[in-house]
Amino acid sequence: MNNKLSFEDTEIAFKHSSNTDLNRAYWLFRAINVNFLVKIGPPITNFFMKVGLPIKSLIKATIFKHFCGGETIDECNPTIKNLAVGGVGTILDYSVEGEDEESVFDNTRDEIIRTVIKASKDKAIPLTVFKVTGVGRFALLEKLDEGLKLNVDEQIEWQKVQDRVLAICEMAHSEGVPVMIDAEESWIQKTIDDLALNMMRFFNKERNIVYNTYQMYRHDKLASLINDFAVAEEEGFILGAKIVRGAYMEKERKRAEERGYTSPIQPDKASTDRDYNDALVFCVDHVDKIAFVAGTHNEESSRLLAELLNGKKVPHNHPHVYFSQLLGMSDNLSFNLADAKYNVAKYVPYGPIKAVLPYLFRRAQENTAIAGQMSRELGLIVKEKKRRGV
């Protein structure tokens, strides 16, 4: 057990935050804590932006500044440097969602490649990431998941999606920069899983380059992780795995109920927590052949992983192990883990404000849905404000 690791040390947790940052975070989390504001925020904001009211500057100075790095890669530089001072890496996350035009998919591919090139020149950016729906149409992936036959135009479209993913992974391989493929809704996930595993077959033979994401709030994903590891062992490549709890629970349950199929979501949070922690144990047990990123805001899971690594005498900075949190959240985990010399990297979303709004609203809604998360964040901020006397 690592007796030095504490998630209560707010001096370390907020060392990178100025008094102004701290006060902004305080008022922001107080606002998010009011569920009513989170629910009415999206329609009101979208209306204001549609009619041209000057709300963009307000958003950029508040919620966008707290949870995002900027509108471009270059605008993220101050955030990258600020995190690096505390020993925390950056994962540039181009967070444009809900597009369906081929030209936009090509632009997104090019932007993801720019993040890979940026990471290859900056040690403060140890990992990169993208979503397959950023480079391909959701409805096409859905059709593939259902096993439906594609027409000629759709076959050409699907080949373009695969080519875009291949181009990103090829660049990641040539530059030696790991790239994570994010998880998405269950009804397109099998296609994404197959694509990710194929990329690993190509690029993970000598070192970890491509990671797939396993959402443990699905009752079948611990088994998927174990099965994929068996495939990787048999075929001779390193499995790349990002382990998360998940981000689409309410949508998943609603769709399952509406369409009359069994929900893929765990029956309760305890089951999710159990599978998440079991996944960490499995990954640490096979750390020589699995490179994994533990994406979590859960203190118990973070402490468990630290203890597992210590118990197995795995170096804190082992290249196959990363902790990860989102920018603007759980700084008490990120910076205290980094202070104990574990590998830590934060997701730093960026992109045009209007395009990133769906991400920001989802983040706020997720936060209010996590029992105690906002109270915990607020409590730590208040503790640090008192310590500083601000």
Protein backbone atom coordinates (compact mmCIF):
# COMPACT_ATOMS: atom_id res chain seq x y z
CA MET A 1 0.00 0.00 0.00
CA ASN A 2 1.20 3.48 -0.87
CA ASN A 3 0.88 5.42 2.39
CA LYS A 4 2.00 8.66 0.76
CA LEU A 5 -0.88 8.76 -1.74
CA SER A 6 -3.64 11.08 -0.56
CA PHE A 7 -6.58 12.42 -2.53
CA GLU A 8 -7.30 15.00 0.17
CA ASP A 9 -4.24 17.21 -0.44
CA THR A 10 -5.86 20.25 -2.05
CA GLU A 11 -2.60 22.20 -2.13
CA ILE A 12 -1.22 19.69 -4.66
CA ALA A 13 -4.60 19.22 -6.37
CA PHE A 14 -5.04 22.94 -7.14
CA LYS A 15 -1.42 24.06 -7.34
CA HIS A 16 -1.91 24.76 -11.06
CA SER A 17 -5.05 26.87 -10.42
CA SER A 18 -4.91 30.61 -9.76
CA ASN A 19 -7.33 32.21 -7.29
CA THR A 20 -9.38 33.37 -10.27
CA ASP A 21 -9.50 29.80 -11.63
CA LEU A 22 -10.56 28.51 -8.23
CA ASN A 23 -13.35 31.06 -7.84
CA ARG A 24 -14.63 30.40 -11.37
CA ALA A 25 -14.69 26.65 -10.64
CA TYR A 26 -16.56 27.28 -7.40
CA TRP A 27 -19.38 29.22 -9.06
CA LEU A 28 -19.48 26.89 -12.06
CA PHE A 29 -19.88 23.73 -9.98
CA ARG A 30 -22.48 25.44 -7.82
CA ALA A 31 -24.47 26.19 -10.99
CA ILE A 32 -24.05 22.66 -12.35
CA ASN A 33 -25.18 21.30 -8.99
CA VAL A 34 -28.61 22.80 -9.69
CA ASN A 35 -30.20 20.14 -11.91
CA PHE A 36 -32.79 22.61 -13.19
CA LEU A 37 -30.06 24.76 -14.79
CA VAL A 38 -28.48 21.72 -16.43
CA LYS A 39 -31.83 20.70 -17.96
CA ILE A 40 -32.85 24.12 -19.28
CA GLY A 41 -29.32 25.20 -20.25
CA PRO A 42 -29.05 23.43 -23.64
CA PRO A 43 -32.30 24.73 -25.23
CA ILE A 44 -31.80 28.28 -23.92
CA THR A 45 -28.17 28.43 -25.07
CA ASN A 46 -28.98 27.01 -28.50
CA PHE A 47 -31.78 29.55 -28.90
CA PHE A 48 -29.54 32.48 -27.90
CA MET A 49 -26.83 31.40 -30.34
CA LYS A 50 -29.38 30.89 -33.12
CA VAL A 51 -30.80 34.40 -32.80
CA GLY A 52 -27.33 35.91 -32.54
CA LEU A 53 -27.31 37.04 -28.92
CA PRO A 54 -23.76 37.55 -27.56
CA ILE A 55 -23.67 34.41 -25.40
CA LYS A 56 -20.57 32.89 -27.04
CA SER A 57 -18.15 35.08 -25.09
CA LEU A 58 -19.93 34.23 -21.82
CA ILE A 59 -19.71 30.49 -22.54
CA LYS A 60 -16.04 30.77 -23.55
CA ALA A 61 -15.15 32.59 -20.33
CA THR A 62 -16.97 30.13 -18.06
CA ILE A 63 -17.91 26.51 -18.82
CA PHE A 64 -15.77 26.30 -21.99
CA LYS A 65 -12.68 27.70 -20.24
CA HIS A 66 -13.07 25.23 -17.39
CA PHE A 67 -13.69 22.04 -19.38
CA CYS A 68 -11.95 22.77 -22.71
CA GLY A 69 -8.47 23.75 -23.85
CA GLY A 70 -9.51 26.15 -26.62
CA GLU A 71 -11.01 26.29 -30.08
CA THR A 72 -7.80 25.17 -31.84
CA ILE A 73 -4.72 23.07 -31.02
CA ASP A 74 -2.64 26.23 -30.62
CA GLU A 75 -5.16 27.70 -28.17
CA CYS A 76 -4.64 24.57 -26.02
CA ASN A 77 -0.93 25.32 -25.49
CA PRO A 78 -1.37 27.22 -22.17
CA THR A 79 -3.48 24.35 -20.79
CA ILE A 80 -0.92 21.77 -21.95
CA LYS A 81 1.89 23.69 -20.23
CA ASN A 82 -0.15 24.31 -17.09
CA LEU A 83 -0.97 20.61 -16.67
CA ALA A 84 2.64 19.64 -17.39
CA VAL A 85 3.89 21.80 -14.50
CA GLY A 86 2.00 19.44 -12.19
CA GLY A 87 3.31 16.36 -14.00
CA VAL A 88 -0.01 15.69 -15.77
CA GLY A 89 -0.07 14.92 -19.49
CA THR A 90 -2.60 16.10 -22.06
CA ILE A 91 -4.83 14.07 -24.39
CA LEU A 92 -6.04 16.45 -27.10
CA ASP A 93 -9.66 15.53 -27.83
CA TYR A 94 -11.20 17.15 -30.92
CA SER A 95 -14.77 17.15 -29.63
CA VAL A 96 -16.86 17.97 -32.70
CA GLU A 97 -19.96 15.74 -32.70
CA GLY A 98 -23.02 14.88 -34.76
CA GLU A 99 -21.73 15.61 -38.26
CA ASP A 100 -22.56 13.47 -41.29
CA GLU A 101 -20.88 15.00 -44.35
CA GLU A 102 -17.93 13.35 -46.11
CA SER A 103 -15.99 16.62 -46.27
CA VAL A 104 -16.38 17.07 -42.50
CA PHE A 105 -15.17 13.50 -41.91
CA ASP A 106 -12.07 14.20 -44.03
CA ASN A 107 -11.44 17.41 -42.09
CA THR A 108 -11.79 15.55 -38.79
CA ARG A 109 -9.33 12.88 -39.96
CA ASP A 110 -6.85 15.62 -40.84
CA GLU A 111 -7.38 17.32 -37.46
CA ILE A 112 -6.80 14.07 -35.55
CA ILE A 113 -3.59 13.54 -37.55
CA ARG A 114 -2.52 17.06 -36.53
CA THR A 115 -2.98 16.07 -32.87
CA VAL A 116 -0.75 13.03 -33.48
CA ILE A 117 1.94 15.21 -35.07
CA LYS A 118 1.64 17.71 -32.21
CA ALA A 119 2.05 14.88 -29.67
CA SER A 120 5.13 13.54 -31.48
CA LYS A 121 6.85 16.88 -30.83
CA ASP A 122 5.68 17.39 -27.23
CA LYS A 123 6.32 14.90 -24.41
CA ALA A 124 3.52 16.57 -22.45
CA ILE A 125 1.04 14.89 -24.86
CA PRO A 126 1.56 11.14 -24.27
CA LEU A 127 -1.67 9.88 -25.87
CA THR A 128 -4.13 10.85 -28.61
CA VAL A 129 -7.77 9.92 -29.20
CA PHE A 130 -10.63 9.92 -31.70
CA LYS A 131 -14.15 8.63 -32.21
CA VAL A 132 -15.07 6.53 -35.25
CA THR A 133 -18.27 8.61 -35.57
CA GLY A 134 -15.97 11.59 -36.08
CA VAL A 135 -14.81 10.05 -39.37
CA GLY A 136 -17.88 8.06 -40.39
CA ARG A 137 -21.67 8.29 -40.46
CA PHE A 138 -23.48 6.92 -37.41
CA ALA A 139 -26.32 5.35 -39.45
CA LEU A 140 -23.80 3.47 -41.60
CA LEU A 141 -22.11 1.98 -38.52
CA GLU A 142 -25.55 1.08 -37.16
CA LYS A 143 -26.41 -0.80 -40.35
CA LEU A 144 -23.12 -2.70 -40.19
CA ASP A 145 -23.73 -3.63 -36.54
CA GLU A 146 -27.16 -5.02 -37.47
CA GLY A 147 -25.51 -7.22 -40.10
CA LEU A 148 -27.53 -5.65 -42.93
CA LYS A 149 -26.21 -5.75 -46.48
CA LEU A 150 -24.72 -2.50 -47.76
CA ASN A 151 -25.54 -1.20 -51.19
CA VAL A 152 -22.73 -0.21 -53.59
CA ASP A 153 -22.63 3.44 -52.44
CA GLU A 154 -22.57 2.37 -48.80
CA GLN A 155 -19.75 -0.09 -49.46
CA ILE A 156 -17.71 2.74 -50.96
CA GLU A 157 -18.61 4.95 -47.98
CA TRP A 158 -17.56 2.23 -45.51
CA GLN A 159 -14.24 1.80 -47.29
CA LYS A 160 -13.62 5.53 -46.86
CA VAL A 161 -14.32 5.24 -43.11
CA GLN A 162 -11.82 2.38 -42.82
CA ASP A 163 -9.27 4.32 -44.85
CA ARG A 164 -9.60 7.34 -42.53
CA VAL A 165 -9.10 5.17 -39.44
CA LEU A 166 -6.13 3.48 -41.10
CA ALA A 167 -4.57 6.85 -42.00
CA ILE A 168 -4.80 8.01 -38.37
CA CYS A 169 -3.35 4.76 -37.00
CA GLU A 170 -0.58 4.72 -39.63
CA MET A 171 0.48 8.21 -38.61
CA ALA A 172 0.33 7.22 -34.94
CA HIS A 173 2.55 4.21 -35.67
CA SER A 174 5.07 6.14 -37.75
CA GLU A 175 5.33 8.88 -35.11
CA GLY A 176 5.34 6.46 -32.17
CA VAL A 177 2.28 8.10 -30.58
CA PRO A 178 -0.41 5.87 -29.01
CA VAL A 179 -3.97 6.54 -30.19
CA MET A 180 -7.17 5.55 -28.35
CA ILE A 181 -10.40 4.72 -30.16
CA ASP A 182 -13.27 5.88 -27.94
CA ALA A 183 -16.28 3.70 -27.15
CA GLU A 184 -19.74 4.71 -28.34
CA GLU A 185 -23.33 3.44 -28.23
CA SER A 186 -23.80 -0.34 -28.00
CA TRP A 187 -25.67 -0.52 -31.31
CA ILE A 188 -22.59 0.59 -33.25
CA GLN A 189 -19.91 -0.74 -30.89
CA LYS A 190 -19.31 -4.19 -32.46
CA THR A 191 -18.23 -2.55 -35.72
CA ILE A 192 -15.91 -0.22 -33.79
CA ASP A 193 -14.52 -3.15 -31.76
CA ASP A 194 -13.74 -5.15 -34.90
CA LEU A 195 -12.09 -2.14 -36.52
CA ALA A 196 -9.99 -1.41 -33.41
CA LEU A 197 -8.81 -5.02 -33.09
CA ASN A 198 -7.81 -5.06 -36.76
CA MET A 199 -5.76 -1.88 -36.24
CA MET A 200 -4.01 -3.55 -33.29
CA ARG A 201 -3.16 -6.52 -35.50
CA PHE A 202 -1.37 -4.15 -37.87
CA PHE A 203 0.29 -1.74 -35.45
CA ASN A 204 0.65 -3.31 -31.97
CA LYS A 205 3.15 -6.05 -32.74
CA GLU A 206 6.19 -4.29 -31.28
CA ARG A 207 4.64 -1.70 -28.94
CA ASN A 208 1.28 -0.33 -27.87
CA ILE A 209 -0.04 2.10 -30.49
CA VAL A 210 -3.80 1.46 -30.81
CA TYR A 211 -6.19 1.20 -27.84
CA ASN A 212 -9.84 0.16 -27.85
CA THR A 213 -12.22 1.30 -25.10
CA TYR A 214 -14.17 -1.02 -22.79
CA GLN A 215 -17.24 0.40 -21.03
CA MET A 216 -17.72 -1.58 -17.83
CA TYR A 217 -21.28 -0.40 -17.26
CA ARG A 218 -22.05 -2.99 -19.95
CA HIS A 219 -22.41 -6.46 -18.43
CA ASP A 220 -20.52 -8.13 -21.32
CA LYS A 221 -17.41 -5.95 -21.50
CA LEU A 222 -15.20 -7.65 -18.91
CA ALA A 223 -15.64 -10.84 -20.95
CA SER A 224 -14.82 -8.88 -24.13
CA LEU A 225 -11.58 -7.62 -22.58
CA ILE A 226 -10.53 -11.14 -21.55
CA ASN A 227 -11.47 -12.58 -24.96
CA ASP A 228 -9.60 -9.85 -26.85
CA PHE A 229 -6.53 -10.49 -24.71
CA ALA A 230 -6.69 -14.19 -25.66
CA VAL A 231 -6.81 -13.18 -29.34
CA ALA A 232 -3.87 -10.80 -28.90
CA GLU A 233 -1.82 -13.48 -27.16
CA GLU A 234 -2.59 -16.05 -29.84
CA GLU A 235 -1.85 -13.70 -32.73
CA GLY A 236 1.16 -12.03 -31.13
CA PHE A 237 0.25 -8.39 -30.55
CA ILE A 238 -0.10 -6.13 -27.49
CA LEU A 239 -3.66 -5.42 -26.43
CA GLY A 240 -4.37 -1.72 -25.94
CA ALA A 241 -7.29 -1.15 -23.55
CA LYS A 242 -8.86 1.98 -22.12
CA ILE A 243 -11.04 0.96 -19.18
CA VAL A 244 -13.98 3.26 -18.37
CA ARG A 245 -17.31 2.91 -16.63
CA GLY A 246 -19.30 4.45 -19.51
CA ALA A 247 -21.09 7.50 -20.82
CA TYR A 248 -24.40 6.53 -22.46
CA MET A 249 -26.33 4.74 -19.71
CA GLU A 250 -29.64 6.61 -19.83
CA LYS A 251 -29.73 6.53 -23.65
CA GLU A 252 -28.93 2.79 -23.65
CA ARG A 253 -31.67 1.88 -21.19
CA LYS A 254 -34.25 4.04 -22.94
CA ARG A 255 -33.54 2.51 -26.37
CA ALA A 256 -33.65 -1.03 -24.99
CA GLU A 257 -37.01 -0.34 -23.36
CA GLU A 258 -38.47 1.31 -26.46
CA ARG A 259 -37.34 -1.50 -28.77
CA GLY A 260 -38.03 -4.38 -26.43
CA TYR A 261 -34.59 -5.93 -26.08
CA THR A 262 -32.56 -6.72 -22.97
CA SER A 263 -30.54 -3.71 -21.85
CA PRO A 264 -26.77 -4.19 -22.19
CA ILE A 265 -26.29 -2.10 -19.04
CA GLN A 266 -25.36 -3.63 -15.69
CA PRO A 267 -28.28 -4.11 -13.24
CA ASP A 268 -26.75 -1.73 -10.69
CA LYS A 269 -23.73 0.46 -9.96
CA ALA A 270 -22.18 -2.17 -7.69
CA SER A 271 -21.95 -4.55 -10.66
CA THR A 272 -20.27 -1.85 -12.75
CA ASP A 273 -17.80 -1.09 -9.97
CA ARG A 274 -17.04 -4.80 -9.52
CA ASP A 275 -16.35 -5.37 -13.24
CA TYR A 276 -14.30 -2.17 -13.46
CA ASN A 277 -12.08 -3.19 -10.58
CA ASP A 278 -11.83 -6.78 -11.88
CA ALA A 279 -10.68 -5.35 -15.22
CA LEU A 280 -7.92 -3.42 -13.44
CA VAL A 281 -6.79 -6.60 -11.66
CA PHE A 282 -6.75 -8.48 -14.97
CA CYS A 283 -4.75 -5.77 -16.72
CA VAL A 284 -2.17 -5.49 -13.94
CA ASP A 285 -1.82 -9.30 -13.89
CA HIS A 286 -0.90 -9.14 -17.59
CA VAL A 287 0.80 -5.75 -17.66
CA ASP A 288 3.63 -7.02 -19.87
CA LYS A 289 1.14 -7.81 -22.66
CA ILE A 290 -1.64 -5.27 -22.02
CA ALA A 291 -1.15 -1.52 -22.24
CA PHE A 292 -4.06 0.13 -20.46
CA VAL A 293 -5.49 3.51 -19.53
CA ALA A 294 -7.69 3.63 -16.43
CA GLY A 295 -10.18 6.37 -17.22
CA THR A 296 -11.90 7.05 -13.92
CA HIS A 297 -13.05 9.74 -11.50
CA ASN A 298 -13.64 7.10 -8.84
CA GLU A 299 -11.31 7.42 -5.86
CA GLU A 300 -11.71 3.80 -4.77
CA SER A 301 -10.73 2.45 -8.21
CA SER A 302 -7.82 4.88 -8.46
CA ARG A 303 -6.51 3.82 -5.07
CA LEU A 304 -7.03 0.14 -5.94
CA LEU A 305 -4.95 0.48 -9.11
CA ALA A 306 -2.17 2.25 -7.22
CA GLU A 307 -2.16 -0.55 -4.63
CA LEU A 308 -2.22 -3.28 -7.31
CA LEU A 309 0.81 -1.75 -9.01
CA ASN A 310 2.64 -1.48 -5.71
CA GLY A 311 1.69 -5.05 -4.76
CA LYS A 312 3.08 -6.40 -8.04
CA LYS A 313 6.10 -4.08 -7.77
CA VAL A 314 5.19 -2.49 -11.11
CA PRO A 315 7.03 0.85 -11.47
CA HIS A 316 4.73 3.87 -11.06
CA ASN A 317 5.84 5.16 -14.47
CA HIS A 318 5.46 1.84 -16.32
CA PRO A 319 4.74 2.78 -19.97
CA HIS A 320 1.81 0.33 -20.14
CA VAL A 321 -0.16 2.04 -17.35
CA TYR A 322 -1.93 5.43 -17.34
CA PHE A 323 -4.51 7.01 -15.11
CA SER A 324 -6.81 9.47 -16.89
CA GLN A 325 -9.42 12.08 -15.95
CA LEU A 326 -11.22 14.89 -17.75
CA LEU A 327 -9.97 18.47 -17.75
CA GLY A 328 -11.72 20.48 -15.06
CA MET A 329 -12.68 17.48 -12.94
CA SER A 330 -11.10 15.37 -10.19
CA ASP A 331 -7.91 17.39 -9.94
CA ASN A 332 -7.44 15.82 -6.51
CA LEU A 333 -6.92 12.48 -8.31
CA SER A 334 -4.90 13.68 -11.28
CA PHE A 335 -2.36 15.87 -9.52
CA ASN A 336 -1.91 13.75 -6.39
CA LEU A 337 -1.33 10.65 -8.54
CA ALA A 338 1.14 12.60 -10.68
CA ASP A 339 2.86 13.87 -7.55
CA ALA A 340 3.33 10.20 -6.55
CA LYS A 341 5.00 9.71 -9.98
CA TYR A 342 2.22 7.68 -11.63
CA ASN A 343 1.54 8.28 -15.33
CA VAL A 344 -1.49 10.59 -15.56
CA ALA A 345 -3.07 12.35 -18.53
CA LYS A 346 -6.18 14.50 -18.76
CA TYR A 347 -8.58 14.63 -21.69
CA VAL A 348 -8.43 18.20 -23.03
CA PRO A 349 -11.41 18.72 -25.37
CA TYR A 350 -11.14 21.45 -27.99
CA GLY A 351 -12.93 22.72 -31.08
CA PRO A 352 -15.24 25.54 -32.20
CA ILE A 353 -17.51 26.52 -29.31
CA LYS A 354 -20.76 25.87 -31.17
CA ALA A 355 -19.58 22.42 -32.25
CA VAL A 356 -18.36 21.49 -28.75
CA LEU A 357 -21.58 22.54 -26.96
CA PRO A 358 -23.11 19.00 -27.10
CA TYR A 359 -20.00 17.69 -25.35
CA LEU A 360 -20.18 20.39 -22.66
CA PHE A 361 -23.87 19.83 -21.93
CA ARG A 362 -23.36 16.06 -21.74
CA ARG A 363 -20.49 16.61 -19.31
CA ALA A 364 -22.70 18.75 -17.06
CA GLN A 365 -25.55 16.22 -17.21
CA GLU A 366 -23.21 13.31 -16.42
CA ASN A 367 -21.80 15.21 -13.44
CA THR A 368 -25.21 15.78 -11.91
CA ALA A 369 -26.09 12.12 -12.49
CA ILE A 370 -23.06 10.87 -10.53
CA ALA A 371 -24.12 10.69 -6.90
CA GLY A 372 -21.98 12.95 -4.77
CA GLN A 373 -19.63 14.01 -7.59
CA MET A 374 -20.56 17.69 -7.52
CA SER A 375 -20.58 17.83 -3.73
CA ARG A 376 -17.14 16.25 -3.70
CA GLU A 377 -15.76 18.72 -6.26
CA LEU A 378 -17.29 21.67 -4.40
CA GLY A 379 -16.07 20.45 -1.03
CA LEU A 380 -12.46 20.22 -2.27
CA ILE A 381 -12.65 23.67 -3.87
CA VAL A 382 -14.06 25.18 -0.66
CA LYS A 383 -11.30 23.48 1.34
CA GLU A 384 -8.60 24.99 -0.91
CA LYS A 385 -10.26 28.42 -0.89
CA LYS A 386 -10.17 28.36 2.91
CA ARG A 387 -6.54 27.21 2.93
CA ARG A 388 -5.63 30.15 0.67
CA GLY A 389 -7.94 32.56 2.41
CA VAL A 390 -9.72 33.60 -0.82
